[in-house]
């Protein structure tokens, strides 16, 4: 059983789908799937924002994670924040999140 954790969405994701969600998920990848279940269209919006040139800063427990870490079991709050690609942080493309 997964612990319930807070998944926060920033920018246009938070405006459209709500800023905070409590979900029982073990990884960022599971959080994306769960958000698409409770907020239909979530994954499509990730794709759309990706096509518009935005990437996503993803943090778990305050630490930036790379694309290869999104399927790993983790603990702590998750933040998914759209950002302009090339802005210097570790960024993940929307296609990688989906």
PDB file of N, CA and C in Angstrom:
ATOM      1  N   UNK A   1       0.840  -1.182   0.000  1.00  0.00           N
ATOM      2  CA  UNK A   1       0.000   0.000   0.000  1.00  0.00           C
ATOM      3  C   UNK A   1       0.882   1.242   0.000  1.00  0.00           C
ATOM      4  N   UNK A   2       0.559   2.178  -0.835  1.00  0.00           N
ATOM      5  CA  UNK A   2       1.310   3.424  -0.930  1.00  0.00           C
ATOM      6  C   UNK A   2       0.851   4.408   0.131  1.00  0.00           C
ATOM      7  N   UNK A   3       1.795   5.205   0.606  1.00  0.00           N
ATOM      8  CA  UNK A   3       1.433   6.285   1.512  1.00  0.00           C
ATOM      9  C   UNK A   3       0.754   7.386   0.710  1.00  0.00           C
ATOM     10  N   UNK A   4      -0.178   8.071   1.351  1.00  0.00           N
ATOM     11  CA  UNK A   4      -0.819   9.212   0.706  1.00  0.00           C
ATOM     12  C   UNK A   4       0.149  10.375   0.765  1.00  0.00           C
ATOM     13  N   UNK A   5       0.334  11.021  -0.381  1.00  0.00           N
ATOM     14  CA  UNK A   5       1.244  12.158  -0.442  1.00  0.00           C
ATOM     15  C   UNK A   5       0.599  13.281  -1.231  1.00  0.00           C
ATOM     16  N   UNK A   6       1.134  14.464  -1.084  1.00  0.00           N
ATOM     17  CA  UNK A   6       0.601  15.630  -1.783  1.00  0.00           C
ATOM     18  C   UNK A   6       1.324  15.789  -3.105  1.00  0.00           C
ATOM     19  N   UNK A   7       0.545  15.940  -4.162  1.00  0.00           N
ATOM     20  CA  UNK A   7       1.080  16.243  -5.478  1.00  0.00           C
ATOM     21  C   UNK A   7       0.628  17.666  -5.797  1.00  0.00           C
ATOM     22  N   UNK A   8       1.596  18.555  -5.968  1.00  0.00           N
ATOM     23  CA  UNK A   8       1.296  19.968  -6.260  1.00  0.00           C
ATOM     24  C   UNK A   8       1.555  20.249  -7.732  1.00  0.00           C
ATOM     25  N   UNK A   9       0.659  21.030  -8.305  1.00  0.00           N
ATOM     26  CA  UNK A   9       0.785  21.431  -9.702  1.00  0.00           C
ATOM     27  C   UNK A   9       0.951  22.939  -9.759  1.00  0.00           C
ATOM     28  N   UNK A  10       1.909  23.395 -10.542  1.00  0.00           N
ATOM     29  CA  UNK A  10       2.148  24.821 -10.654  1.00  0.00           C
ATOM     30  C   UNK A  10       1.710  25.377 -11.997  1.00  0.00           C
ATOM     31  N   UNK A  11       1.682  26.685 -12.082  1.00  0.00           N
ATOM     32  CA  UNK A  11       1.392  27.380 -13.334  1.00  0.00           C
ATOM     33  C   UNK A  11       0.058  26.982 -13.936  1.00  0.00           C
ATOM     34  N   UNK A  12       0.036  26.823 -15.267  1.00  0.00           N
ATOM     35  CA  UNK A  12      -1.223  26.493 -15.935  1.00  0.00           C
ATOM     36  C   UNK A  12      -1.806  25.143 -15.527  1.00  0.00           C
ATOM     37  N   UNK A  13      -0.965  24.215 -15.069  1.00  0.00           N
ATOM     38  CA  UNK A  13      -1.497  22.939 -14.590  1.00  0.00           C
ATOM     39  C   UNK A  13      -2.317  23.143 -13.320  1.00  0.00           C
ATOM     40  N   UNK A  14      -1.792  23.915 -12.393  1.00  0.00           N
ATOM     41  CA  UNK A  14      -2.505  24.196 -11.155  1.00  0.00           C
ATOM     42  C   UNK A  14      -3.774  24.989 -11.386  1.00  0.00           C
ATOM     43  N   UNK A  15      -3.725  25.936 -12.329  1.00  0.00           N
ATOM     44  CA  UNK A  15      -4.909  26.743 -12.642  1.00  0.00           C
ATOM     45  C   UNK A  15      -6.025  25.872 -13.208  1.00  0.00           C
ATOM     46  N   UNK A  16      -5.672  24.925 -14.041  1.00  0.00           N
ATOM     47  CA  UNK A  16      -6.686  24.104 -14.713  1.00  0.00           C
ATOM     48  C   UNK A  16      -7.155  22.914 -13.865  1.00  0.00           C
ATOM     49  N   UNK A  17      -6.234  22.272 -13.165  1.00  0.00           N
ATOM     50  CA  UNK A  17      -6.563  21.024 -12.484  1.00  0.00           C
ATOM     51  C   UNK A  17      -6.566  21.120 -10.956  1.00  0.00           C
ATOM     52  N   UNK A  18      -6.232  22.266 -10.417  1.00  0.00           N
ATOM     53  CA  UNK A  18      -6.141  22.425  -8.964  1.00  0.00           C
ATOM     54  C   UNK A  18      -4.693  22.317  -8.515  1.00  0.00           C
ATOM     55  N   UNK A  19      -4.348  23.058  -7.492  1.00  0.00           N
ATOM     56  CA  UNK A  19      -2.945  23.150  -7.087  1.00  0.00           C
ATOM     57  C   UNK A  19      -2.460  21.992  -6.232  1.00  0.00           C
ATOM     58  N   UNK A  20      -3.328  21.345  -5.479  1.00  0.00           N
ATOM     59  CA  UNK A  20      -2.871  20.278  -4.582  1.00  0.00           C
ATOM     60  C   UNK A  20      -3.820  19.088  -4.646  1.00  0.00           C
ATOM     61  N   UNK A  21      -3.234  17.909  -4.694  1.00  0.00           N
ATOM     62  CA  UNK A  21      -3.988  16.664  -4.747  1.00  0.00           C
ATOM     63  C   UNK A  21      -3.344  15.684  -3.777  1.00  0.00           C
ATOM     64  N   UNK A  22      -4.162  14.959  -3.028  1.00  0.00           N
ATOM     65  CA  UNK A  22      -3.666  13.933  -2.107  1.00  0.00           C
ATOM     66  C   UNK A  22      -3.889  12.586  -2.788  1.00  0.00           C
ATOM     67  N   UNK A  23      -2.804  11.890  -3.092  1.00  0.00           N
ATOM     68  CA  UNK A  23      -2.876  10.637  -3.845  1.00  0.00           C
ATOM     69  C   UNK A  23      -1.996   9.571  -3.203  1.00  0.00           C
ATOM     70  N   UNK A  24      -2.439   8.333  -3.286  1.00  0.00           N
ATOM     71  CA  UNK A  24      -1.645   7.196  -2.805  1.00  0.00           C
ATOM     72  C   UNK A  24      -0.849   6.660  -3.985  1.00  0.00           C
ATOM     73  N   UNK A  25       0.335   7.206  -4.192  1.00  0.00           N
ATOM     74  CA  UNK A  25       1.191   6.822  -5.314  1.00  0.00           C
ATOM     75  C   UNK A  25       2.609   6.596  -4.815  1.00  0.00           C
ATOM     76  N   UNK A  26       3.362   5.772  -5.562  1.00  0.00           N
ATOM     77  CA  UNK A  26       4.731   5.471  -5.166  1.00  0.00           C
ATOM     78  C   UNK A  26       5.777   6.212  -5.981  1.00  0.00           C
ATOM     79  N   UNK A  27       5.386   6.797  -7.114  1.00  0.00           N
ATOM     80  CA  UNK A  27       6.370   7.457  -7.977  1.00  0.00           C
ATOM     81  C   UNK A  27       5.712   8.614  -8.712  1.00  0.00           C
ATOM     82  N   UNK A  28       6.540   9.399  -9.359  1.00  0.00           N
ATOM     83  CA  UNK A  28       6.038  10.496 -10.180  1.00  0.00           C
ATOM     84  C   UNK A  28       5.203   9.944 -11.328  1.00  0.00           C
ATOM     85  N   UNK A  29       5.668   8.867 -11.946  1.00  0.00           N
ATOM     86  CA  UNK A  29       4.921   8.269 -13.057  1.00  0.00           C
ATOM     87  C   UNK A  29       3.527   7.836 -12.612  1.00  0.00           C
ATOM     88  N   UNK A  30       3.422   7.218 -11.435  1.00  0.00           N
ATOM     89  CA  UNK A  30       2.114   6.829 -10.907  1.00  0.00           C
ATOM     90  C   UNK A  30       1.258   8.059 -10.630  1.00  0.00           C
ATOM     91  N   UNK A  31       1.863   9.128 -10.172  1.00  0.00           N
ATOM     92  CA  UNK A  31       1.117  10.357  -9.897  1.00  0.00           C
ATOM     93  C   UNK A  31       0.501  10.913 -11.177  1.00  0.00           C
ATOM     94  N   UNK A  32       1.243  10.877 -12.277  1.00  0.00           N
ATOM     95  CA  UNK A  32       0.719  11.372 -13.556  1.00  0.00           C
ATOM     96  C   UNK A  32      -0.475  10.534 -14.006  1.00  0.00           C
ATOM     97  N   UNK A  33      -0.370   9.218 -13.886  1.00  0.00           N
ATOM     98  CA  UNK A  33      -1.485   8.335 -14.260  1.00  0.00           C
ATOM     99  C   UNK A  33      -2.690   8.605 -13.356  1.00  0.00           C
ATOM    100  N   UNK A  34      -2.463   8.704 -12.055  1.00  0.00           N
ATOM    101  CA  UNK A  34      -3.556   8.940 -11.111  1.00  0.00           C
ATOM    102  C   UNK A  34      -4.227  10.287 -11.372  1.00  0.00           C
ATOM    103  N   UNK A  35      -3.430  11.310 -11.660  1.00  0.00           N
ATOM    104  CA  UNK A  35      -4.011  12.622 -11.954  1.00  0.00           C
ATOM    105  C   UNK A  35      -4.875  12.570 -13.205  1.00  0.00           C
ATOM    106  N   UNK A  36      -4.461  11.795 -14.198  1.00  0.00           N
ATOM    107  CA  UNK A  36      -5.260  11.683 -15.418  1.00  0.00           C
ATOM    108  C   UNK A  36      -6.579  10.957 -15.145  1.00  0.00           C
ATOM    109  N   UNK A  37      -6.592  10.076 -14.152  1.00  0.00           N
ATOM    110  CA  UNK A  37      -7.829   9.378 -13.789  1.00  0.00           C
ATOM    111  C   UNK A  37      -8.786  10.331 -13.071  1.00  0.00           C
ATOM    112  N   UNK A  38      -8.277  11.080 -12.098  1.00  0.00           N
ATOM    113  CA  UNK A  38      -9.153  11.969 -11.324  1.00  0.00           C
ATOM    114  C   UNK A  38      -9.401  13.306 -12.018  1.00  0.00           C
ATOM    115  N   UNK A  39      -8.529  13.667 -12.949  1.00  0.00           N
ATOM    116  CA  UNK A  39      -8.659  14.900 -13.726  1.00  0.00           C
ATOM    117  C   UNK A  39      -8.505  14.548 -15.207  1.00  0.00           C
ATOM    118  N   UNK A  40      -9.567  14.029 -15.835  1.00  0.00           N
ATOM    119  CA  UNK A  40      -9.452  13.600 -17.238  1.00  0.00           C
ATOM    120  C   UNK A  40      -8.871  14.703 -18.131  1.00  0.00           C
ATOM    121  N   UNK A  41      -7.954  14.291 -18.993  1.00  0.00           N
ATOM    122  CA  UNK A  41      -7.297  15.221 -19.900  1.00  0.00           C
ATOM    123  C   UNK A  41      -5.956  15.726 -19.407  1.00  0.00           C
ATOM    124  N   UNK A  42      -5.562  15.332 -18.198  1.00  0.00           N
ATOM    125  CA  UNK A  42      -4.301  15.818 -17.630  1.00  0.00           C
ATOM    126  C   UNK A  42      -3.111  15.471 -18.521  1.00  0.00           C
ATOM    127  N   UNK A  43      -3.017  14.219 -18.953  1.00  0.00           N
ATOM    128  CA  UNK A  43      -1.875  13.819 -19.786  1.00  0.00           C
ATOM    129  C   UNK A  43      -1.891  14.546 -21.130  1.00  0.00           C
ATOM    130  N   UNK A  44      -3.067  14.805 -21.691  1.00  0.00           N
ATOM    131  CA  UNK A  44      -3.123  15.530 -22.954  1.00  0.00           C
ATOM    132  C   UNK A  44      -2.615  16.958 -22.784  1.00  0.00           C
ATOM    133  N   UNK A  45      -2.937  17.579 -21.670  1.00  0.00           N
ATOM    134  CA  UNK A  45      -2.438  18.935 -21.406  1.00  0.00           C
ATOM    135  C   UNK A  45      -0.917  18.917 -21.275  1.00  0.00           C
ATOM    136  N   UNK A  46      -0.345  17.879 -20.650  1.00  0.00           N
ATOM    137  CA  UNK A  46       1.124  17.768 -20.595  1.00  0.00           C
ATOM    138  C   UNK A  46       1.703  17.736 -22.005  1.00  0.00           C
ATOM    139  N   UNK A  47       1.076  16.945 -22.878  1.00  0.00           N
ATOM    140  CA  UNK A  47       1.542  16.877 -24.272  1.00  0.00           C
ATOM    141  C   UNK A  47       1.408  18.232 -24.963  1.00  0.00           C
ATOM    142  N   UNK A  48       0.277  18.899 -24.753  1.00  0.00           N
ATOM    143  CA  UNK A  48       0.037  20.193 -25.383  1.00  0.00           C
ATOM    144  C   UNK A  48       1.054  21.239 -24.925  1.00  0.00           C
ATOM    145  N   UNK A  49       1.321  21.288 -23.632  1.00  0.00           N
ATOM    146  CA  UNK A  49       2.297  22.242 -23.108  1.00  0.00           C
ATOM    147  C   UNK A  49       3.695  21.930 -23.640  1.00  0.00           C
ATOM    148  N   UNK A  50       4.006  20.646 -23.764  1.00  0.00           N
ATOM    149  CA  UNK A  50       5.277  20.223 -24.339  1.00  0.00           C
ATOM    150  C   UNK A  50       5.397  20.744 -25.774  1.00  0.00           C
ATOM    151  N   UNK A  51       4.324  20.624 -26.551  1.00  0.00           N
ATOM    152  CA  UNK A  51       4.322  21.094 -27.942  1.00  0.00           C
ATOM    153  C   UNK A  51       4.466  22.620 -28.028  1.00  0.00           C
ATOM    154  N   UNK A  52       4.051  23.314 -26.966  1.00  0.00           N
ATOM    155  CA  UNK A  52       4.181  24.780 -26.919  1.00  0.00           C
ATOM    156  C   UNK A  52       5.565  25.228 -26.451  1.00  0.00           C
ATOM    157  N   UNK A  53       6.456  24.290 -26.186  1.00  0.00           N
ATOM    158  CA  UNK A  53       7.814  24.638 -25.791  1.00  0.00           C
ATOM    159  C   UNK A  53       8.063  24.670 -24.294  1.00  0.00           C
ATOM    160  N   UNK A  54       7.111  24.195 -23.519  1.00  0.00           N
ATOM    161  CA  UNK A  54       7.331  24.129 -22.082  1.00  0.00           C
ATOM    162  C   UNK A  54       7.828  22.740 -21.704  1.00  0.00           C
ATOM    163  N   UNK A  55       8.652  22.696 -20.699  1.00  0.00           N
ATOM    164  CA  UNK A  55       9.103  21.439 -20.105  1.00  0.00           C
ATOM    165  C   UNK A  55       8.648  21.499 -18.649  1.00  0.00           C
ATOM    166  N   UNK A  56       9.000  20.512 -17.868  1.00  0.00           N
ATOM    167  CA  UNK A  56       8.494  20.443 -16.510  1.00  0.00           C
ATOM    168  C   UNK A  56       9.619  20.225 -15.514  1.00  0.00           C
ATOM    169  N   UNK A  57       9.621  21.068 -14.499  1.00  0.00           N
ATOM    170  CA  UNK A  57      10.517  20.857 -13.362  1.00  0.00           C
ATOM    171  C   UNK A  57       9.745  19.971 -12.402  1.00  0.00           C
ATOM    172  N   UNK A  58      10.316  18.851 -12.059  1.00  0.00           N
ATOM    173  CA  UNK A  58       9.671  17.911 -11.151  1.00  0.00           C
ATOM    174  C   UNK A  58      10.559  17.760  -9.929  1.00  0.00           C
ATOM    175  N   UNK A  59       9.966  17.974  -8.767  1.00  0.00           N
ATOM    176  CA  UNK A  59      10.710  17.778  -7.528  1.00  0.00           C
ATOM    177  C   UNK A  59       9.980  16.759  -6.662  1.00  0.00           C
ATOM    178  N   UNK A  60      10.755  15.994  -5.939  1.00  0.00           N
ATOM    179  CA  UNK A  60      10.225  15.048  -4.952  1.00  0.00           C
ATOM    180  C   UNK A  60      10.927  15.365  -3.641  1.00  0.00           C
ATOM    181  N   UNK A  61      10.142  15.685  -2.634  1.00  0.00           N
ATOM    182  CA  UNK A  61      10.685  16.060  -1.319  1.00  0.00           C
ATOM    183  C   UNK A  61      11.702  17.195  -1.454  1.00  0.00           C
ATOM    184  N   UNK A  62      11.409  18.143  -2.353  1.00  0.00           N
ATOM    185  CA  UNK A  62      12.258  19.312  -2.531  1.00  0.00           C
ATOM    186  C   UNK A  62      13.492  19.102  -3.383  1.00  0.00           C
ATOM    187  N   UNK A  63      13.671  17.909  -3.971  1.00  0.00           N
ATOM    188  CA  UNK A  63      14.852  17.623  -4.790  1.00  0.00           C
ATOM    189  C   UNK A  63      14.429  17.450  -6.242  1.00  0.00           C
ATOM    190  N   UNK A  64      15.110  18.167  -7.143  1.00  0.00           N
ATOM    191  CA  UNK A  64      14.846  18.007  -8.575  1.00  0.00           C
ATOM    192  C   UNK A  64      15.143  16.578  -8.997  1.00  0.00           C
ATOM    193  N   UNK A  65      14.260  16.016  -9.821  1.00  0.00           N
ATOM    194  CA  UNK A  65      14.485  14.672 -10.334  1.00  0.00           C
ATOM    195  C   UNK A  65      14.654  14.725 -11.845  1.00  0.00           C
ATOM    196  N   UNK A  66      15.414  13.780 -12.353  1.00  0.00           N
ATOM    197  CA  UNK A  66      15.652  13.660 -13.788  1.00  0.00           C
ATOM    198  C   UNK A  66      14.629  12.702 -14.393  1.00  0.00           C
ATOM    199  N   UNK A  67      14.544  12.716 -15.714  1.00  0.00           N
ATOM    200  CA  UNK A  67      13.567  11.888 -16.422  1.00  0.00           C
ATOM    201  C   UNK A  67      13.692  10.413 -16.053  1.00  0.00           C
ATOM    202  N   UNK A  68      14.912   9.926 -15.892  1.00  0.00           N
ATOM    203  CA  UNK A  68      15.093   8.499 -15.595  1.00  0.00           C
ATOM    204  C   UNK A  68      14.674   8.132 -14.173  1.00  0.00           C
ATOM    205  N   UNK A  69      14.360   9.112 -13.339  1.00  0.00           N
ATOM    206  CA  UNK A  69      13.960   8.844 -11.958  1.00  0.00           C
ATOM    207  C   UNK A  69      12.447   8.839 -11.739  1.00  0.00           C
ATOM    208  N   UNK A  70      11.660   9.177 -12.754  1.00  0.00           N
ATOM    209  CA  UNK A  70      10.222   9.347 -12.525  1.00  0.00           C
ATOM    210  C   UNK A  70       9.494   8.041 -12.235  1.00  0.00           C
ATOM    211  N   UNK A  71      10.080   6.913 -12.600  1.00  0.00           N
ATOM    212  CA  UNK A  71       9.427   5.633 -12.324  1.00  0.00           C
ATOM    213  C   UNK A  71       9.924   4.995 -11.023  1.00  0.00           C
ATOM    214  N   UNK A  72      10.907   5.585 -10.393  1.00  0.00           N
ATOM    215  CA  UNK A  72      11.458   5.024  -9.158  1.00  0.00           C
ATOM    216  C   UNK A  72      10.536   5.289  -7.973  1.00  0.00           C
ATOM    217  N   UNK A  73      10.448   4.332  -7.083  1.00  0.00           N
ATOM    218  CA  UNK A  73       9.676   4.507  -5.854  1.00  0.00           C
ATOM    219  C   UNK A  73      10.350   5.602  -5.041  1.00  0.00           C
ATOM    220  N   UNK A  74       9.548   6.532  -4.535  1.00  0.00           N
ATOM    221  CA  UNK A  74      10.094   7.650  -3.775  1.00  0.00           C
ATOM    222  C   UNK A  74       9.133   8.001  -2.647  1.00  0.00           C
ATOM    223  N   UNK A  75       9.548   8.927  -1.822  1.00  0.00           N
ATOM    224  CA  UNK A  75       8.716   9.394  -0.713  1.00  0.00           C
ATOM    225  C   UNK A  75       8.772  10.915  -0.669  1.00  0.00           C
ATOM    226  N   UNK A  76       7.721  11.524  -0.175  1.00  0.00           N
ATOM    227  CA  UNK A  76       7.673  12.980  -0.053  1.00  0.00           C
ATOM    228  C   UNK A  76       6.754  13.594  -1.077  1.00  0.00           C
ATOM    229  N   UNK A  77       6.474  14.865  -0.863  1.00  0.00           N
ATOM    230  CA  UNK A  77       5.595  15.592  -1.772  1.00  0.00           C
ATOM    231  C   UNK A  77       6.215  15.710  -3.158  1.00  0.00           C
ATOM    232  N   UNK A  78       5.336  15.745  -4.153  1.00  0.00           N
ATOM    233  CA  UNK A  78       5.753  15.883  -5.551  1.00  0.00           C
ATOM    234  C   UNK A  78       5.269  17.240  -6.056  1.00  0.00           C
ATOM    235  N   UNK A  79       6.127  17.947  -6.776  1.00  0.00           N
ATOM    236  CA  UNK A  79       5.759  19.192  -7.440  1.00  0.00           C
ATOM    237  C   UNK A  79       6.021  19.025  -8.922  1.00  0.00           C
ATOM    238  N   UNK A  80       5.024  19.386  -9.746  1.00  0.00           N
ATOM    239  CA  UNK A  80       5.186  19.390 -11.200  1.00  0.00           C
ATOM    240  C   UNK A  80       4.913  20.818 -11.651  1.00  0.00           C
ATOM    241  N   UNK A  81       5.960  21.479 -12.151  1.00  0.00           N
ATOM    242  CA  UNK A  81       5.889  22.892 -12.500  1.00  0.00           C
ATOM    243  C   UNK A  81       6.300  23.097 -13.952  1.00  0.00           C
ATOM    244  N   UNK A  82       5.392  23.590 -14.805  1.00  0.00           N
ATOM    245  CA  UNK A  82       5.780  23.910 -16.183  1.00  0.00           C
ATOM    246  C   UNK A  82       6.760  25.084 -16.200  1.00  0.00           C
ATOM    247  N   UNK A  83       7.775  24.977 -17.053  1.00  0.00           N
ATOM    248  CA  UNK A  83       8.775  26.031 -17.181  1.00  0.00           C
ATOM    249  C   UNK A  83       9.202  26.133 -18.640  1.00  0.00           C
ATOM    250  N   UNK A  84       9.745  27.254 -19.007  1.00  0.00           N
ATOM    251  CA  UNK A  84      10.256  27.425 -20.363  1.00  0.00           C
ATOM    252  C   UNK A  84      11.472  26.525 -20.532  1.00  0.00           C
ATOM    253  N   UNK A  85      11.464  25.742 -21.589  1.00  0.00           N
ATOM    254  CA  UNK A  85      12.580  24.827 -21.856  1.00  0.00           C
ATOM    255  C   UNK A  85      13.881  25.612 -21.926  1.00  0.00           C
ATOM    256  N   UNK A  86      14.935  25.074 -21.323  1.00  0.00           N
ATOM    257  CA  UNK A  86      16.235  25.721 -21.330  1.00  0.00           C
ATOM    258  C   UNK A  86      16.425  26.729 -20.217  1.00  0.00           C
ATOM    259  N   UNK A  87      15.568  26.700 -19.195  1.00  0.00           N
ATOM    260  CA  UNK A  87      15.658  27.694 -18.129  1.00  0.00           C
ATOM    261  C   UNK A  87      16.670  27.345 -17.046  1.00  0.00           C
ATOM    262  N   UNK A  88      17.427  26.274 -17.235  1.00  0.00           N
ATOM    263  CA  UNK A  88      18.537  25.987 -16.330  1.00  0.00           C
ATOM    264  C   UNK A  88      18.309  24.889 -15.322  1.00  0.00           C
ATOM    265  N   UNK A  89      17.089  24.643 -14.896  1.00  0.00           N
ATOM    266  CA  UNK A  89      16.834  23.555 -13.941  1.00  0.00           C
ATOM    267  C   UNK A  89      16.825  22.233 -14.680  1.00  0.00           C
ATOM    268  N   UNK A  90      16.834  21.136 -13.918  1.00  0.00           N
ATOM    269  CA  UNK A  90      16.602  19.817 -14.524  1.00  0.00           C
ATOM    270  C   UNK A  90      15.169  19.832 -15.021  1.00  0.00           C
ATOM    271  N   UNK A  91      14.968  19.726 -16.315  1.00  0.00           N
ATOM    272  CA  UNK A  91      13.627  19.755 -16.861  1.00  0.00           C
ATOM    273  C   UNK A  91      13.324  18.456 -17.582  1.00  0.00           C
ATOM    274  N   UNK A  92      12.054  18.077 -17.546  1.00  0.00           N
ATOM    275  CA  UNK A  92      11.589  16.848 -18.175  1.00  0.00           C
ATOM    276  C   UNK A  92      10.540  17.215 -19.205  1.00  0.00           C
ATOM    277  N   UNK A  93      10.647  16.671 -20.394  1.00  0.00           N
ATOM    278  CA  UNK A  93       9.661  16.916 -21.435  1.00  0.00           C
ATOM    279  C   UNK A  93       8.332  16.259 -21.094  1.00  0.00           C
ATOM    280  N   UNK A  94       7.256  16.857 -21.576  1.00  0.00           N
ATOM    281  CA  UNK A  94       5.920  16.327 -21.318  1.00  0.00           C
ATOM    282  C   UNK A  94       5.759  14.898 -21.817  1.00  0.00           C
ATOM    283  N   UNK A  95       6.372  14.590 -22.942  1.00  0.00           N
ATOM    284  CA  UNK A  95       6.284  13.224 -23.480  1.00  0.00           C
ATOM    285  C   UNK A  95       6.904  12.218 -22.527  1.00  0.00           C
ATOM    286  N   UNK A  96       7.958  12.612 -21.829  1.00  0.00           N
ATOM    287  CA  UNK A  96       8.598  11.702 -20.868  1.00  0.00           C
ATOM    288  C   UNK A  96       7.695  11.468 -19.654  1.00  0.00           C
ATOM    289  N   UNK A  97       6.945  12.476 -19.254  1.00  0.00           N
ATOM    290  CA  UNK A  97       6.043  12.323 -18.112  1.00  0.00           C
ATOM    291  C   UNK A  97       4.855  11.445 -18.450  1.00  0.00           C
ATOM    292  N   UNK A  98       4.398  11.539 -19.679  1.00  0.00           N
ATOM    293  CA  UNK A  98       3.229  10.777 -20.110  1.00  0.00           C
ATOM    294  C   UNK A  98       3.640   9.366 -20.386  1.00  0.00           C
TER     295      UNK A  98
END
